[in-house]
Each structure stands twice: as structure tokens, then as C-alpha cells.
């Protein structure tokens, strides 16, 4: 339900900003500021959720998300709308995750799941988000239909009402769902001898430090080309939401099925193997994308890249949370999210500046360079800790 509005705004928020005559530099700065706000919220709330429970934070987020979406229906002034957008995280394509509290939700979901089942469960959760996002992206073509009735930027306002409705449904579901209990393996972890605890914590912290370093490379690469992509399509090929939204929506539906398949294949080739192979294909497609001679070639390349990259989201989340014991997964989810969001926040600002200067290819090649380094080191760091290959 949450991903409906996110999908629509992932297509249309950059186009809405363009209709409001925001420069790409300003838009990139707004998205980057939002990522920093999300990182700060993650750092503050993620560890607290290990102690006080996760559901209350998620409920609070839904109330906030509803309020900001309703406010945006009547606000078009640049700075107030920019402030709301930065905090609400519009245009970032969160795939159904709560923008500020994604780490909390990951830890909440993993709490009652045995380690070996993490990859499959997170793959299914990612698939649910992809299916909702796909519907939202298709709805992202709505401004083209509404233009005769609501000219210019006004045609984008109803999308915020759709966002508010989806978040309200999400709030209703959360209010009916209690915090899950820890699985039996977590009780065994808590009962471990006190003398072994310092060594276990050092090992876990070392693994999380490796994860943070790799995520920084990946996050900066994602930030360089992801949030401003629809702006780039409109600028490079002269297309609008009617062409972009349905095409991305169709690709996102396929992402859902690929995510489910990745979760099932993880038990055979391992979560790390799935991530490496799928991301390698996505890297090759990213390099080719900015040289596409037409919009339909470009959207096809991007759609294929999105399918293989996002389809690996479940195994990547599973590995990150499987690096620590169940009762510390709030910390692991926080590190995983924070280390992605902070470097990712600087990518849109740099990409916006490059686009404003007329450099429409450079952000893609820079993003590919950072993601190539990430991919080269990922398997070496984490193959031995694959939750699907250790028999745990």
C-alpha cells in the first residue's frame, strides 16, 4: 500500500519540479538533503528500536507521511514544498519501505525469521513492494490525462492524495499487527556464555564496518543517476509522464517476479552469488544507457538494469541482517541503511550540477565506476558469511 504513492512520485516528482521551474541543481540538492535527513533518522531511531520495539516508530511514521502528503496538495511555493519533500523523501523510489525508518522495518520483519529463511522472506517482501510500485508508476501517467482539466503543474497535485490514501491503509494494517517475538535461535544467542560476548561483538562489528564501506561506494553510485533519471529522460528525449510512467511500471512488475526467483535460487547458488551475477549484468547495462540513440532504447536498457539490480534487493538485505545475531538486527539494519544514505545524498547534488552544465553522460559513467568497485569486493568480503551457504 505504501509503495503506490512512492511509485507514482518516483516517476513524477522530478517532472513536477521541472513544471514548477526548479533547476536540476536545486532538485538534486532537495533530494540529497532528504537522504541526509533519512540517514539522521536512521542513526537515531534504529538502535532505539532494539530496546523499545519497532511497531510504535512505524506507526508514528505513517501518521507523519499522511500529514505531509495532504499538505503538499495545497502547497506549491518553492521553499515550503522543498522542505516537505526533503523530509518525506519523495522521488527516491523507496519500493514500499518507510523512507525515514526503513532500518526499523527491516529489523521488525526479521525479528521472527530464522537466519536461513531471511533471503526468501526479504525477497518476497521486496516483490510486494515492486508490485505496488509498478501500479504506482503506471498511475504516474495520470498527469498527462489530467492536463486538459488541470493545466501545468496542477496536474501533478492529485498524486499526493493517492500517496496519502496508501499511507492511511498502511497505518490501518500496522495498527492491527503486533511486534513479533524472537525466534528460538535468538534465545540461544542471548544465553551464550558471558565470556564469549566480547569476541562475538568484535566479530559482528568488523563485519558491519566492511558492509558500511562497501555500501558507501554503492550508495554514491546510486545517488548519481537514480533520483534525477526521469528529468534526464525528459531533457534528453523530450518525453513526459505518459511515456515514462507505464514503461517503468511494466519493468517494475517484472522486478517483483525476479525478486521472488532470486529468493528461491539463493538456496542453490547463495545470496552472495545471486547479488554478484545480477549486479554485474546491471553494471554493463548502466554503461550502455547514456549512449542510447532513442528513448525506447534507453528505457529498455534502464528497465533491464532495474530488473536485475532491484531483483537482488532481498538477498542483499538478508546478508546484511544475517551478519549479526537476531537481537542485534536493529543495529545491522541501521548500519546498512545509514551507510547507503549518507553517500547517496551527495550523488543527486553532483548529478544536478553536471546536468545543469550540459554534461548528460558523465553521471552515468561515474556511477558505473563506483558500482564496479563495490561489485569487485563484495564477494570477497562476504562469501563466507552467506546465510544460504553456511547451513544455518
Foldseek 3Di string as FASTA:
>chain_A
DLLLLQLLQLQPVLVLCVLLVDFLLLVLLLLLLLLVQLLVLLVPVLVVCLPPNQLVVLLVLLVLLLVLLVVLLPDDDPPVVSVSCSNQNGNQNPLRARSNHNLSVLLQQCQAPPLLLQLLSLLLVSLVSLLSSLNNLQCSLQLVVCCVVQNTSNSCSVSSVVNSVVSVVVSVVSVVDDRDHGYPVLVVVVVPDPVCVVVQVVQLVVLLVVLLVLLLLLLLLCLQDRSCPSVLLCVVAVDGSNVRRNLLSVLSNLLSVLSNVLSVCCLPQFLLVLQLVLQVLLLVLLLCQVVDPHSVVNSVSVSSSCSSNSSSVSSVSSLQQLSHRSSCSSVSSSSNSSSNSNSSSVNSSVNSVCVSVVNSNVSSVSSSVSVVVSSVCSCVSRVVRGSSPPVD
